Every structure is written in structure tokens, then in C-alpha cells.
Amino acid sequence: MRILGYYENAQKIDKAYLRQSRSVEQKKTVSDGTKVRKGDELVLSPRIAELQKFEEMVKSLPEIQDNKTGSIGKQIESGKYNVDGKSVAKSIIDLIG
């Protein structure tokens, strides 16, 4: 499949970008007439601090206890692991309430 006009449109966009970047550079002058070059800037969302806090919280959690998870896994595989539905429901309600 061939997209007609793609290359020409890409050139137009590129020229428009160059014109815009030149005009921005011209506007960034100091009072003595020298140009100020500003590098790229990365602005992070305010939520990044919250995400970093959560990451630290996760890192501080204890590692998985293989002895407990291993024995439960073996019980599940053998079909001997039984869960009391009422106790699970009560635990969920206690967490919510």
C-alpha cells in the first residue's frame, strides 16, 4: 500500500517546525542583544512524587515468605487447600469497614 502525498506533507511539517524554532530563538534575546540558548526541558507531572512515594513503600515491604507460600502452593496442587468462604467474606468486610 502506498500513501500518496506523505513525503510532501512531512516536508511541509518539517519546514513549519524550523520556522517556528527560529522565531522562538529570535525572541529569546537578552537586553544586550545576545541570544540565549535554552536546552530542552522535561516537566514531570506532580503525580510523579506520589508514584515515587509508592515505589519506596513497595521496596520497604518484606520479601515473600517462601516457606508459607510454598506450603500453600503444595496444598492447592494436591487439592487439600480449603477456604472457608464466610471467613474470607468477613475479612473483606473488615477491610472495607
PDB file of N, CA and C in Angstrom:
ATOM      1  N   MET A   1       0.852  -1.184   0.000  1.00  0.00           N
ATOM      2  CA  MET A   1       0.000   0.000   0.000  1.00  0.00           C
ATOM      3  C   MET A   1       0.886   1.230   0.000  1.00  0.00           C
ATOM      4  N   ARG A   2       0.560   2.204  -0.790  1.00  0.00           N
ATOM      5  CA  ARG A   2       1.348   3.418  -0.890  1.00  0.00           C
ATOM      6  C   ARG A   2       0.485   4.597  -0.463  1.00  0.00           C
ATOM      7  N   ILE A   3       1.015   5.408   0.406  1.00  0.00           N
ATOM      8  CA  ILE A   3       0.286   6.588   0.855  1.00  0.00           C
ATOM      9  C   ILE A   3       0.769   7.770   0.030  1.00  0.00           C
ATOM     10  N   LEU A   4      -0.111   8.333  -0.766  1.00  0.00           N
ATOM     11  CA  LEU A   4       0.245   9.430  -1.656  1.00  0.00           C
ATOM     12  C   LEU A   4       0.341  10.731  -0.874  1.00  0.00           C
ATOM     13  N   GLY A   5       1.330  11.489  -1.178  1.00  0.00           N
ATOM     14  CA  GLY A   5       1.457  12.807  -0.571  1.00  0.00           C
ATOM     15  C   GLY A   5       2.096  12.805   0.795  1.00  0.00           C
ATOM     16  N   TYR A   6       2.471  11.653   1.303  1.00  0.00           N
ATOM     17  CA  TYR A   6       3.048  11.582   2.650  1.00  0.00           C
ATOM     18  C   TYR A   6       4.353  12.360   2.726  1.00  0.00           C
ATOM     19  N   TYR A   7       5.229  12.135   1.769  1.00  0.00           N
ATOM     20  CA  TYR A   7       6.550  12.765   1.795  1.00  0.00           C
ATOM     21  C   TYR A   7       6.428  14.287   1.704  1.00  0.00           C
ATOM     22  N   GLU A   8       5.544  14.769   0.841  1.00  0.00           N
ATOM     23  CA  GLU A   8       5.364  16.217   0.683  1.00  0.00           C
ATOM     24  C   GLU A   8       4.817  16.840   1.972  1.00  0.00           C
ATOM     25  N   ASN A   9       3.858  16.150   2.605  1.00  0.00           N
ATOM     26  CA  ASN A   9       3.300  16.673   3.850  1.00  0.00           C
ATOM     27  C   ASN A   9       4.348  16.670   4.955  1.00  0.00           C
ATOM     28  N   ALA A  10       5.191  15.660   4.994  1.00  0.00           N
ATOM     29  CA  ALA A  10       6.243  15.603   6.007  1.00  0.00           C
ATOM     30  C   ALA A  10       7.217  16.760   5.813  1.00  0.00           C
ATOM     31  N   GLN A  11       7.529  17.101   4.575  1.00  0.00           N
ATOM     32  CA  GLN A  11       8.421  18.224   4.311  1.00  0.00           C
ATOM     33  C   GLN A  11       7.791  19.536   4.766  1.00  0.00           C
ATOM     34  N   LYS A  12       6.496  19.705   4.536  1.00  0.00           N
ATOM     35  CA  LYS A  12       5.807  20.921   4.960  1.00  0.00           C
ATOM     36  C   LYS A  12       5.844  21.061   6.480  1.00  0.00           C
ATOM     37  N   ILE A  13       5.618  19.949   7.169  1.00  0.00           N
ATOM     38  CA  ILE A  13       5.642  19.970   8.639  1.00  0.00           C
ATOM     39  C   ILE A  13       7.038  20.307   9.126  1.00  0.00           C
ATOM     40  N   ASP A  14       8.039  19.730   8.496  1.00  0.00           N
ATOM     41  CA  ASP A  14       9.430  19.988   8.881  1.00  0.00           C
ATOM     42  C   ASP A  14       9.781  21.457   8.684  1.00  0.00           C
ATOM     43  N   LYS A  15       9.379  22.040   7.553  1.00  0.00           N
ATOM     44  CA  LYS A  15       9.650  23.461   7.301  1.00  0.00           C
ATOM     45  C   LYS A  15       8.939  24.346   8.323  1.00  0.00           C
ATOM     46  N   ALA A  16       7.701  24.001   8.657  1.00  0.00           N
ATOM     47  CA  ALA A  16       6.955  24.788   9.641  1.00  0.00           C
ATOM     48  C   ALA A  16       7.626  24.723  11.001  1.00  0.00           C
ATOM     49  N   TYR A  17       8.124  23.547  11.367  1.00  0.00           N
ATOM     50  CA  TYR A  17       8.821  23.392  12.642  1.00  0.00           C
ATOM     51  C   TYR A  17      10.085  24.240  12.671  1.00  0.00           C
ATOM     52  N   LEU A  18      10.849  24.217  11.584  1.00  0.00           N
ATOM     53  CA  LEU A  18      12.081  25.006  11.533  1.00  0.00           C
ATOM     54  C   LEU A  18      11.785  26.497  11.637  1.00  0.00           C
ATOM     55  N   ARG A  19      10.749  26.967  10.917  1.00  0.00           N
ATOM     56  CA  ARG A  19      10.370  28.382  11.014  1.00  0.00           C
ATOM     57  C   ARG A  19      10.008  28.753  12.444  1.00  0.00           C
ATOM     58  N   GLN A  20       9.233  27.892  13.087  1.00  0.00           N
ATOM     59  CA  GLN A  20       8.796  28.180  14.453  1.00  0.00           C
ATOM     60  C   GLN A  20       9.980  28.200  15.407  1.00  0.00           C
ATOM     61  N   SER A  21      10.880  27.239  15.288  1.00  0.00           N
ATOM     62  CA  SER A  21      12.019  27.194  16.200  1.00  0.00           C
ATOM     63  C   SER A  21      12.929  28.392  15.997  1.00  0.00           C
ATOM     64  N   ARG A  22      13.069  28.876  14.755  1.00  0.00           N
ATOM     65  CA  ARG A  22      13.876  30.074  14.502  1.00  0.00           C
ATOM     66  C   ARG A  22      13.237  31.296  15.133  1.00  0.00           C
ATOM     67  N   SER A  23      11.902  31.404  15.027  1.00  0.00           N
ATOM     68  CA  SER A  23      11.235  32.575  15.600  1.00  0.00           C
ATOM     69  C   SER A  23      11.316  32.558  17.126  1.00  0.00           C
ATOM     70  N   VAL A  24      11.284  31.383  17.716  1.00  0.00           N
ATOM     71  CA  VAL A  24      11.408  31.281  19.165  1.00  0.00           C
ATOM     72  C   VAL A  24      12.806  31.696  19.587  1.00  0.00           C
ATOM     73  N   GLU A  25      13.835  31.286  18.832  1.00  0.00           N
ATOM     74  CA  GLU A  25      15.209  31.656  19.154  1.00  0.00           C
ATOM     75  C   GLU A  25      15.395  33.163  19.041  1.00  0.00           C
ATOM     76  N   GLN A  26      14.766  33.785  18.060  1.00  0.00           N
ATOM     77  CA  GLN A  26      14.901  35.223  17.884  1.00  0.00           C
ATOM     78  C   GLN A  26      14.259  35.980  19.034  1.00  0.00           C
ATOM     79  N   LYS A  27      13.194  35.439  19.597  1.00  0.00           N
ATOM     80  CA  LYS A  27      12.517  36.103  20.708  1.00  0.00           C
ATOM     81  C   LYS A  27      13.299  36.001  22.002  1.00  0.00           C
ATOM     82  N   LYS A  28      14.177  34.999  22.099  1.00  0.00           N
ATOM     83  CA  LYS A  28      14.947  34.776  23.315  1.00  0.00           C
ATOM     84  C   LYS A  28      16.253  35.568  23.252  1.00  0.00           C
ATOM     85  N   THR A  29      16.158  36.849  23.372  1.00  0.00           N
ATOM     86  CA  THR A  29      17.359  37.666  23.385  1.00  0.00           C
ATOM     87  C   THR A  29      17.450  38.412  24.696  1.00  0.00           C
ATOM     88  N   VAL A  30      18.663  38.620  25.134  1.00  0.00           N
ATOM     89  CA  VAL A  30      18.900  39.402  26.336  1.00  0.00           C
ATOM     90  C   VAL A  30      18.922  40.861  25.927  1.00  0.00           C
ATOM     91  N   SER A  31      18.828  41.758  26.883  1.00  0.00           N
ATOM     92  CA  SER A  31      18.751  43.182  26.576  1.00  0.00           C
ATOM     93  C   SER A  31      19.954  43.681  25.779  1.00  0.00           C
ATOM     94  N   ASP A  32      21.116  43.032  25.914  1.00  0.00           N
ATOM     95  CA  ASP A  32      22.284  43.494  25.161  1.00  0.00           C
ATOM     96  C   ASP A  32      22.330  42.911  23.751  1.00  0.00           C
ATOM     97  N   GLY A  33      21.352  42.128  23.383  1.00  0.00           N
ATOM     98  CA  GLY A  33      21.253  41.632  22.025  1.00  0.00           C
ATOM     99  C   GLY A  33      21.847  40.259  21.795  1.00  0.00           C
ATOM    100  N   THR A  34      22.453  39.648  22.800  1.00  0.00           N
ATOM    101  CA  THR A  34      22.999  38.313  22.618  1.00  0.00           C
ATOM    102  C   THR A  34      21.890  37.287  22.755  1.00  0.00           C
ATOM    103  N   LYS A  35      22.022  36.222  22.004  1.00  0.00           N
ATOM    104  CA  LYS A  35      20.992  35.189  22.037  1.00  0.00           C
ATOM    105  C   LYS A  35      21.170  34.305  23.257  1.00  0.00           C
ATOM    106  N   VAL A  36      20.057  33.899  23.816  1.00  0.00           N
ATOM    107  CA  VAL A  36      20.054  32.967  24.937  1.00  0.00           C
ATOM    108  C   VAL A  36      19.594  31.626  24.396  1.00  0.00           C
ATOM    109  N   ARG A  37      20.412  30.619  24.548  1.00  0.00           N
ATOM    110  CA  ARG A  37      20.033  29.284  24.089  1.00  0.00           C
ATOM    111  C   ARG A  37      19.498  28.513  25.274  1.00  0.00           C
ATOM    112  N   LYS A  38      18.317  28.040  25.123  1.00  0.00           N
ATOM    113  CA  LYS A  38      17.690  27.265  26.184  1.00  0.00           C
ATOM    114  C   LYS A  38      17.612  25.823  25.726  1.00  0.00           C
ATOM    115  N   GLY A  39      18.067  24.908  26.566  1.00  0.00           N
ATOM    116  CA  GLY A  39      18.027  23.494  26.223  1.00  0.00           C
ATOM    117  C   GLY A  39      16.639  22.926  26.403  1.00  0.00           C
ATOM    118  N   ASP A  40      16.511  21.687  26.061  1.00  0.00           N
ATOM    119  CA  ASP A  40      15.241  21.001  26.250  1.00  0.00           C
ATOM    120  C   ASP A  40      14.926  20.928  27.730  1.00  0.00           C
ATOM    121  N   GLU A  41      13.655  20.898  28.033  1.00  0.00           N
ATOM    122  CA  GLU A  41      13.219  20.880  29.420  1.00  0.00           C
ATOM    123  C   GLU A  41      12.206  19.765  29.606  1.00  0.00           C
ATOM    124  N   LEU A  42      12.365  19.016  30.675  1.00  0.00           N
ATOM    125  CA  LEU A  42      11.449  17.936  30.986  1.00  0.00           C
ATOM    126  C   LEU A  42      10.635  18.334  32.206  1.00  0.00           C
ATOM    127  N   VAL A  43       9.323  18.397  32.046  1.00  0.00           N
ATOM    128  CA  VAL A  43       8.437  18.762  33.140  1.00  0.00           C
ATOM    129  C   VAL A  43       7.633  17.524  33.504  1.00  0.00           C
ATOM    130  N   LEU A  44       7.784  17.086  34.744  1.00  0.00           N
ATOM    131  CA  LEU A  44       7.086  15.892  35.203  1.00  0.00           C
ATOM    132  C   LEU A  44       5.793  16.272  35.895  1.00  0.00           C
ATOM    133  N   SER A  45       4.856  15.394  35.818  1.00  0.00           N
ATOM    134  CA  SER A  45       3.569  15.587  36.456  1.00  0.00           C
ATOM    135  C   SER A  45       3.751  15.628  37.972  1.00  0.00           C
ATOM    136  N   PRO A  46       2.926  16.396  38.671  1.00  0.00           N
ATOM    137  CA  PRO A  46       3.008  16.399  40.137  1.00  0.00           C
ATOM    138  C   PRO A  46       2.767  15.018  40.735  1.00  0.00           C
ATOM    139  N   ARG A  47       2.136  14.153  39.987  1.00  0.00           N
ATOM    140  CA  ARG A  47       1.858  12.799  40.492  1.00  0.00           C
ATOM    141  C   ARG A  47       3.113  11.946  40.573  1.00  0.00           C
ATOM    142  N   ILE A  48       4.207  12.397  39.944  1.00  0.00           N
ATOM    143  CA  ILE A  48       5.421  11.593  39.964  1.00  0.00           C
ATOM    144  C   ILE A  48       5.941  11.449  41.392  1.00  0.00           C
ATOM    145  N   ALA A  49       5.797  12.500  42.197  1.00  0.00           N
ATOM    146  CA  ALA A  49       6.239  12.414  43.596  1.00  0.00           C
ATOM    147  C   ALA A  49       5.426  11.360  44.341  1.00  0.00           C
ATOM    148  N   GLU A  50       4.137  11.315  44.045  1.00  0.00           N
ATOM    149  CA  GLU A  50       3.270  10.313  44.671  1.00  0.00           C
ATOM    150  C   GLU A  50       3.679   8.902  44.235  1.00  0.00           C
ATOM    151  N   LEU A  51       3.976   8.736  42.959  1.00  0.00           N
ATOM    152  CA  LEU A  51       4.398   7.432  42.465  1.00  0.00           C
ATOM    153  C   LEU A  51       5.734   7.010  43.078  1.00  0.00           C
ATOM    154  N   GLN A  52       6.643   7.971  43.252  1.00  0.00           N
ATOM    155  CA  GLN A  52       7.926   7.648  43.876  1.00  0.00           C
ATOM    156  C   GLN A  52       7.731   7.234  45.331  1.00  0.00           C
ATOM    157  N   LYS A  53       6.774   7.879  46.005  1.00  0.00           N
ATOM    158  CA  LYS A  53       6.481   7.514  47.390  1.00  0.00           C
ATOM    159  C   LYS A  53       5.964   6.075  47.457  1.00  0.00           C
ATOM    160  N   PHE A  54       5.069   5.715  46.531  1.00  0.00           N
ATOM    161  CA  PHE A  54       4.546   4.355  46.499  1.00  0.00           C
ATOM    162  C   PHE A  54       5.641   3.344  46.182  1.00  0.00           C
ATOM    163  N   GLU A  55       6.552   3.724  45.300  1.00  0.00           N
ATOM    164  CA  GLU A  55       7.654   2.838  44.970  1.00  0.00           C
ATOM    165  C   GLU A  55       8.513   2.559  46.206  1.00  0.00           C
ATOM    166  N   GLU A  56       8.774   3.588  47.003  1.00  0.00           N
ATOM    167  CA  GLU A  56       9.548   3.400  48.232  1.00  0.00           C
ATOM    168  C   GLU A  56       8.796   2.518  49.225  1.00  0.00           C
ATOM    169  N   MET A  57       7.462   2.684  49.283  1.00  0.00           N
ATOM    170  CA  MET A  57       6.661   1.857  50.184  1.00  0.00           C
ATOM    171  C   MET A  57       6.738   0.393  49.777  1.00  0.00           C
ATOM    172  N   VAL A  58       6.669   0.137  48.479  1.00  0.00           N
ATOM    173  CA  VAL A  58       6.737  -1.242  47.998  1.00  0.00           C
ATOM    174  C   VAL A  58       8.111  -1.842  48.301  1.00  0.00           C
ATOM    175  N   LYS A  59       9.153  -1.041  48.127  1.00  0.00           N
ATOM    176  CA  LYS A  59      10.506  -1.532  48.410  1.00  0.00           C
ATOM    177  C   LYS A  59      10.683  -1.875  49.887  1.00  0.00           C
ATOM    178  N   SER A  60       9.951  -1.180  50.761  1.00  0.00           N
ATOM    179  CA  SER A  60      10.095  -1.429  52.192  1.00  0.00           C
ATOM    180  C   SER A  60       9.281  -2.632  52.670  1.00  0.00           C
ATOM    181  N   LEU A  61       8.407  -3.177  51.815  1.00  0.00           N
ATOM    182  CA  LEU A  61       7.626  -4.348  52.197  1.00  0.00           C
ATOM    183  C   LEU A  61       8.533  -5.570  52.331  1.00  0.00           C
ATOM    184  N   PRO A  62       8.178  -6.483  53.238  1.00  0.00           N
ATOM    185  CA  PRO A  62       9.002  -7.683  53.390  1.00  0.00           C
ATOM    186  C   PRO A  62       8.928  -8.560  52.149  1.00  0.00           C
ATOM    187  N   GLU A  63       9.975  -9.330  51.955  1.00  0.00           N
ATOM    188  CA  GLU A  63      10.017 -10.250  50.825  1.00  0.00           C
ATOM    189  C   GLU A  63       8.978 -11.357  51.025  1.00  0.00           C
ATOM    190  N   ILE A  64       8.661 -12.057  49.957  1.00  0.00           N
ATOM    191  CA  ILE A  64       7.710 -13.163  50.026  1.00  0.00           C
ATOM    192  C   ILE A  64       8.316 -14.278  50.872  1.00  0.00           C
ATOM    193  N   GLN A  65       7.497 -14.801  51.747  1.00  0.00           N
ATOM    194  CA  GLN A  65       7.960 -15.875  52.617  1.00  0.00           C
ATOM    195  C   GLN A  65       7.749 -17.199  51.906  1.00  0.00           C
ATOM    196  N   ASP A  66       8.834 -17.724  51.345  1.00  0.00           N
ATOM    197  CA  ASP A  66       8.743 -18.942  50.540  1.00  0.00           C
ATOM    198  C   ASP A  66       8.209 -20.132  51.328  1.00  0.00           C
ATOM    199  N   ASN A  67       8.514 -20.187  52.622  1.00  0.00           N
ATOM    200  CA  ASN A  67       8.059 -21.345  53.396  1.00  0.00           C
ATOM    201  C   ASN A  67       6.533 -21.371  53.482  1.00  0.00           C
ATOM    202  N   LYS A  68       5.896 -20.189  53.637  1.00  0.00           N
ATOM    203  CA  LYS A  68       4.432 -20.158  53.719  1.00  0.00           C
ATOM    204  C   LYS A  68       3.799 -20.339  52.341  1.00  0.00           C
ATOM    205  N   THR A  69       4.301 -19.597  51.363  1.00  0.00           N
ATOM    206  CA  THR A  69       3.692 -19.695  50.035  1.00  0.00           C
ATOM    207  C   THR A  69       3.937 -21.056  49.407  1.00  0.00           C
ATOM    208  N   GLY A  70       5.086 -21.633  49.694  1.00  0.00           N
ATOM    209  CA  GLY A  70       5.382 -22.962  49.152  1.00  0.00           C
ATOM    210  C   GLY A  70       4.452 -24.019  49.688  1.00  0.00           C
ATOM    211  N   SER A  71       4.199 -23.977  51.005  1.00  0.00           N
ATOM    212  CA  SER A  71       3.315 -24.993  51.585  1.00  0.00           C
ATOM    213  C   SER A  71       1.879 -24.815  51.111  1.00  0.00           C
ATOM    214  N   ILE A  72       1.432 -23.579  50.966  1.00  0.00           N
ATOM    215  CA  ILE A  72       0.072 -23.337  50.471  1.00  0.00           C
ATOM    216  C   ILE A  72      -0.030 -23.793  49.018  1.00  0.00           C
ATOM    217  N   GLY A  73       1.007 -23.522  48.244  1.00  0.00           N
ATOM    218  CA  GLY A  73       1.016 -23.947  46.846  1.00  0.00           C
ATOM    219  C   GLY A  73       0.908 -25.455  46.716  1.00  0.00           C
ATOM    220  N   LYS A  74       1.619 -26.165  47.584  1.00  0.00           N
ATOM    221  CA  LYS A  74       1.562 -27.628  47.556  1.00  0.00           C
ATOM    222  C   LYS A  74       0.173 -28.127  47.934  1.00  0.00           C
ATOM    223  N   GLN A  75      -0.464 -27.461  48.919  1.00  0.00           N
ATOM    224  CA  GLN A  75      -1.816 -27.848  49.320  1.00  0.00           C
ATOM    225  C   GLN A  75      -2.804 -27.621  48.180  1.00  0.00           C
ATOM    226  N   ILE A  76      -2.637 -26.511  47.468  1.00  0.00           N
ATOM    227  CA  ILE A  76      -3.536 -26.211  46.339  1.00  0.00           C
ATOM    228  C   ILE A  76      -3.371 -27.264  45.251  1.00  0.00           C
ATOM    229  N   GLU A  77      -2.115 -27.589  44.923  1.00  0.00           N
ATOM    230  CA  GLU A  77      -1.853 -28.575  43.875  1.00  0.00           C
ATOM    231  C   GLU A  77      -2.415 -29.951  44.226  1.00  0.00           C
ATOM    232  N   SER A  78      -2.349 -30.309  45.494  1.00  0.00           N
ATOM    233  CA  SER A  78      -2.832 -31.628  45.893  1.00  0.00           C
ATOM    234  C   SER A  78      -4.340 -31.646  46.124  1.00  0.00           C
ATOM    235  N   GLY A  79      -4.976 -30.468  46.115  1.00  0.00           N
ATOM    236  CA  GLY A  79      -6.421 -30.401  46.321  1.00  0.00           C
ATOM    237  C   GLY A  79      -6.824 -30.421  47.772  1.00  0.00           C
ATOM    238  N   LYS A  80      -5.871 -30.229  48.683  1.00  0.00           N
ATOM    239  CA  LYS A  80      -6.161 -30.263  50.113  1.00  0.00           C
ATOM    240  C   LYS A  80      -6.353 -28.885  50.723  1.00  0.00           C
ATOM    241  N   TYR A  81      -6.218 -27.844  49.920  1.00  0.00           N
ATOM    242  CA  TYR A  81      -6.354 -26.480  50.447  1.00  0.00           C
ATOM    243  C   TYR A  81      -7.816 -26.081  50.384  1.00  0.00           C
ATOM    244  N   ASN A  82      -8.415 -25.854  51.526  1.00  0.00           N
ATOM    245  CA  ASN A  82      -9.819 -25.478  51.599  1.00  0.00           C
ATOM    246  C   ASN A  82      -9.934 -24.071  52.169  1.00  0.00           C
ATOM    247  N   VAL A  83     -10.818 -23.307  51.584  1.00  0.00           N
ATOM    248  CA  VAL A  83     -11.033 -21.933  52.014  1.00  0.00           C
ATOM    249  C   VAL A  83     -12.456 -21.819  52.533  1.00  0.00           C
ATOM    250  N   ASP A  84     -12.578 -21.244  53.728  1.00  0.00           N
ATOM    251  CA  ASP A  84     -13.895 -21.000  54.302  1.00  0.00           C
ATOM    252  C   ASP A  84     -14.415 -19.680  53.728  1.00  0.00           C
ATOM    253  N   GLY A  85     -15.451 -19.751  52.927  1.00  0.00           N
ATOM    254  CA  GLY A  85     -15.996 -18.572  52.263  1.00  0.00           C
ATOM    255  C   GLY A  85     -16.469 -17.512  53.230  1.00  0.00           C
ATOM    256  N   LYS A  86     -17.038 -17.939  54.355  1.00  0.00           N
ATOM    257  CA  LYS A  86     -17.534 -16.967  55.340  1.00  0.00           C
ATOM    258  C   LYS A  86     -16.385 -16.170  55.949  1.00  0.00           C
ATOM    259  N   SER A  87     -15.282 -16.830  56.237  1.00  0.00           N
ATOM    260  CA  SER A  87     -14.155 -16.104  56.836  1.00  0.00           C
ATOM    261  C   SER A  87     -13.519 -15.139  55.827  1.00  0.00           C
ATOM    262  N   VAL A  88     -13.506 -15.527  54.552  1.00  0.00           N
ATOM    263  CA  VAL A  88     -12.983 -14.627  53.522  1.00  0.00           C
ATOM    264  C   VAL A  88     -13.887 -13.400  53.395  1.00  0.00           C
ATOM    265  N   ALA A  89     -15.204 -13.633  53.360  1.00  0.00           N
ATOM    266  CA  ALA A  89     -16.153 -12.517  53.254  1.00  0.00           C
ATOM    267  C   ALA A  89     -16.031 -11.598  54.458  1.00  0.00           C
ATOM    268  N   LYS A  90     -15.894 -12.168  55.658  1.00  0.00           N
ATOM    269  CA  LYS A  90     -15.751 -11.355  56.872  1.00  0.00           C
ATOM    270  C   LYS A  90     -14.476 -10.525  56.813  1.00  0.00           C
ATOM    271  N   SER A  91     -13.377 -11.109  56.324  1.00  0.00           N
ATOM    272  CA  SER A  91     -12.123 -10.381  56.218  1.00  0.00           C
ATOM    273  C   SER A  91     -12.247  -9.223  55.241  1.00  0.00           C
ATOM    274  N   ILE A  92     -12.940  -9.431  54.130  1.00  0.00           N
ATOM    275  CA  ILE A  92     -13.144  -8.368  53.151  1.00  0.00           C
ATOM    276  C   ILE A  92     -13.963  -7.241  53.739  1.00  0.00           C
ATOM    277  N   ILE A  93     -15.033  -7.601  54.451  1.00  0.00           N
ATOM    278  CA  ILE A  93     -15.889  -6.586  55.068  1.00  0.00           C
ATOM    279  C   ILE A  93     -15.118  -5.802  56.133  1.00  0.00           C
ATOM    280  N   ASP A  94     -14.269  -6.518  56.896  1.00  0.00           N
ATOM    281  CA  ASP A  94     -13.458  -5.822  57.904  1.00  0.00           C
ATOM    282  C   ASP A  94     -12.483  -4.848  57.264  1.00  0.00           C
ATOM    283  N   LEU A  95     -11.937  -5.206  56.108  1.00  0.00           N
ATOM    284  CA  LEU A  95     -11.015  -4.317  55.413  1.00  0.00           C
ATOM    285  C   LEU A  95     -11.724  -3.076  54.888  1.00  0.00           C
ATOM    286  N   ILE A  96     -12.932  -3.262  54.387  1.00  0.00           N
ATOM    287  CA  ILE A  96     -13.699  -2.151  53.822  1.00  0.00           C
ATOM    288  C   ILE A  96     -14.200  -1.221  54.919  1.00  0.00           C
ATOM    289  N   GLY A  97     -14.705  -1.814  55.988  1.00  0.00           N
ATOM    290  CA  GLY A  97     -15.332  -1.057  57.070  1.00  0.00           C
ATOM    291  C   GLY A  97     -14.399  -0.417  57.973  1.00  0.00           C
TER     292      GLY A  97
END
